[in-house]
Protein backbone atom coordinates (compact mmCIF):
# COMPACT_ATOMS: atom_id res chain seq x y z
CA UNK A 1 0.00 0.00 0.00
CA UNK A 2 2.78 2.45 0.94
CA UNK A 3 4.66 1.58 -2.22
CA UNK A 4 1.63 2.49 -4.34
CA UNK A 5 1.34 5.85 -2.60
CA UNK A 6 5.01 6.57 -3.31
CA UNK A 7 4.60 5.72 -7.01
CA UNK A 8 1.59 7.98 -7.46
CA UNK A 9 3.51 11.32 -7.43
CA UNK A 10 6.16 9.90 -9.79
CA UNK A 11 3.47 8.69 -12.18
CA UNK A 12 1.67 12.03 -12.08
CA UNK A 13 4.92 13.88 -12.83
CA UNK A 14 5.66 11.60 -15.77
CA UNK A 15 2.19 12.13 -17.23
CA UNK A 16 2.47 15.91 -16.87
CA UNK A 17 5.93 15.98 -18.42
CA UNK A 18 4.81 13.94 -21.41
CA UNK A 19 1.89 16.31 -21.99
CA UNK A 20 4.15 19.34 -22.37
CA UNK A 21 5.00 18.30 -25.91
CA UNK A 22 8.12 20.39 -26.43
CA UNK A 23 10.40 17.38 -26.85
CA UNK A 24 9.25 16.72 -30.43
CA UNK A 25 10.14 20.16 -31.83
CA UNK A 26 13.12 19.93 -34.17
CA UNK A 27 14.10 23.61 -33.98
CA UNK A 28 16.61 25.02 -31.53
CA UNK A 29 15.02 27.06 -28.77
CA UNK A 30 16.94 30.13 -29.96
CA UNK A 31 15.51 29.82 -33.50
CA UNK A 32 13.33 32.90 -34.18
CA UNK A 33 10.51 30.60 -35.31
CA UNK A 34 10.64 28.25 -32.31
CA UNK A 35 7.54 29.90 -30.83
CA UNK A 36 5.67 29.17 -34.09
CA UNK A 37 6.71 25.52 -33.86
CA UNK A 38 5.59 25.38 -30.23
CA UNK A 39 2.17 26.89 -30.97
CA UNK A 40 1.79 24.57 -33.98
CA UNK A 41 2.61 21.56 -31.81
CA UNK A 42 0.10 22.58 -29.15
CA UNK A 43 -2.79 23.54 -31.45
CA UNK A 44 -2.26 21.90 -34.85
CA UNK A 45 -0.16 18.73 -34.55
CA UNK A 46 -3.12 16.58 -33.55
CA UNK A 47 -4.48 16.90 -37.08
CA UNK A 48 -1.40 17.75 -39.21
CA UNK A 49 1.84 15.90 -39.75
CA UNK A 50 4.84 18.21 -39.65
CA UNK A 51 8.24 16.88 -38.54
CA UNK A 52 9.76 20.24 -37.50
CA UNK A 53 7.01 20.57 -34.87
CA UNK A 54 6.86 16.89 -33.96
CA UNK A 55 3.33 16.51 -35.36
CA UNK A 56 2.00 13.28 -36.82
CA UNK A 57 -1.74 13.88 -37.06
CA UNK A 58 -2.32 13.26 -40.78
CA UNK A 59 -3.46 9.93 -42.15
CA UNK A 60 -0.65 7.87 -43.63
CA UNK A 61 -2.92 5.60 -45.70
CA UNK A 62 -6.31 6.17 -47.27
CA UNK A 63 -7.83 3.38 -45.17
CA UNK A 64 -6.78 5.02 -41.90
CA UNK A 65 -8.11 8.50 -42.74
CA UNK A 66 -10.39 10.20 -40.21
CA UNK A 67 -12.45 13.38 -40.56
CA UNK A 68 -10.04 15.36 -38.38
CA UNK A 69 -6.96 14.51 -40.47
CA UNK A 70 -5.44 17.58 -42.09
CA UNK A 71 -2.78 17.66 -44.78
CA UNK A 72 0.81 16.75 -44.06
CA UNK A 73 2.99 19.83 -44.25
CA UNK A 74 6.02 17.60 -44.78
CA UNK A 75 4.51 16.65 -48.15
CA UNK A 76 2.77 19.96 -48.97
CA UNK A 77 4.64 23.22 -49.42
CA UNK A 78 2.47 26.19 -48.48
CA UNK A 79 2.97 29.94 -48.56
CA UNK A 80 2.60 32.40 -45.69
CA UNK A 81 -0.66 33.94 -46.96
CA UNK A 82 -2.23 30.49 -47.45
CA UNK A 83 -1.42 29.43 -43.90
CA UNK A 84 -2.66 32.69 -42.42
CA UNK A 85 -5.91 32.38 -44.41
CA UNK A 86 -6.44 28.80 -43.15
CA UNK A 87 -5.73 29.79 -39.54
CA UNK A 88 -8.18 32.69 -39.68
CA UNK A 89 -10.92 30.92 -41.65
CA UNK A 90 -10.79 27.33 -40.42
CA UNK A 91 -8.94 25.82 -43.37
CA UNK A 92 -10.05 25.80 -46.99
CA UNK A 93 -12.97 23.38 -46.86
CA UNK A 94 -15.77 22.34 -44.59
CA UNK A 95 -13.41 20.28 -42.46
CA UNK A 96 -13.29 20.42 -38.68
CA UNK A 97 -10.47 22.98 -38.35
CA UNK A 98 -11.63 25.75 -36.02
CA UNK A 99 -11.37 29.38 -37.07
CA UNK A 100 -8.78 31.51 -35.33
CA UNK A 101 -6.95 28.58 -33.78
CA UNK A 102 -4.26 31.22 -33.24
CA UNK A 103 -4.71 34.99 -33.48
CA UNK A 104 -2.60 38.11 -33.86
CA UNK A 105 1.17 37.64 -33.60
CA UNK A 106 0.68 33.97 -32.69
CA UNK A 107 -1.09 33.35 -36.01
CA UNK A 108 1.60 35.25 -37.92
CA UNK A 109 4.50 33.36 -36.37
CA UNK A 110 2.79 30.00 -36.99
CA UNK A 111 2.24 31.05 -40.61
CA UNK A 112 5.91 32.05 -40.91
CA UNK A 113 7.04 28.76 -39.37
CA UNK A 114 4.85 26.61 -41.62
CA UNK A 115 5.75 28.60 -44.76
CA UNK A 116 9.48 28.32 -44.06
CA UNK A 117 9.63 24.61 -43.20
CA UNK A 118 6.70 23.05 -45.12
CA UNK A 119 7.22 20.79 -48.11
CA UNK A 120 10.57 19.39 -47.03
CA UNK A 121 9.61 16.02 -48.51
CA UNK A 122 8.89 17.56 -51.95
CA UNK A 123 10.72 19.81 -54.37
CA UNK A 124 9.65 23.42 -53.84
CA UNK A 125 9.28 25.93 -56.67
CA UNK A 126 9.11 29.68 -56.10
CA UNK A 127 5.70 31.24 -56.74
CA UNK A 128 5.89 34.89 -57.83
CA UNK A 129 3.49 37.17 -55.95
CA UNK A 130 3.09 34.80 -53.02
CA UNK A 131 5.48 36.56 -50.65
CA UNK A 132 4.41 37.54 -47.14
CA UNK A 133 3.62 41.19 -46.48
CA UNK A 134 6.62 43.31 -45.51
CA UNK A 135 7.55 42.85 -41.88
CA UNK A 136 5.83 39.48 -41.49
CA UNK A 137 8.03 37.11 -43.49
CA UNK A 138 9.91 34.14 -42.04
CA UNK A 139 13.00 36.27 -41.43
CA UNK A 140 10.93 38.96 -39.73
CA UNK A 141 9.05 36.68 -37.33
CA UNK A 142 10.57 36.73 -33.89
CA UNK A 143 8.87 35.57 -30.70
CA UNK A 144 8.14 38.32 -28.19
């Protein structure tokens, strides 16, 4: 009985530590986009696969697909304005993504993070006219 009581605090600490989720982020903590990766991991990784944020929420086979599964950003390169639109409007379709899953500077830094690191598993071509507004590009995003 005493042994069980001693194990309870250790078990609770382990559960809490595993829920923090920062161990899967592949960016250094001093990376200017680390905060974007952290917010993505906390709010988006349950439905989107994205290695830089430690997310594996997308379906890997058609047969395992669920309604909540969003696209894999390892396999899909997206631009800043596309990500910001999806964050603000709940994606591009009638899927279950909530609107404004991040707002303000949080939304902008997530958009910068996703735009910079998305599509690493595919060849990426530059798209003229799809640059972020001045002052909000990947090089301009810095956590407060």
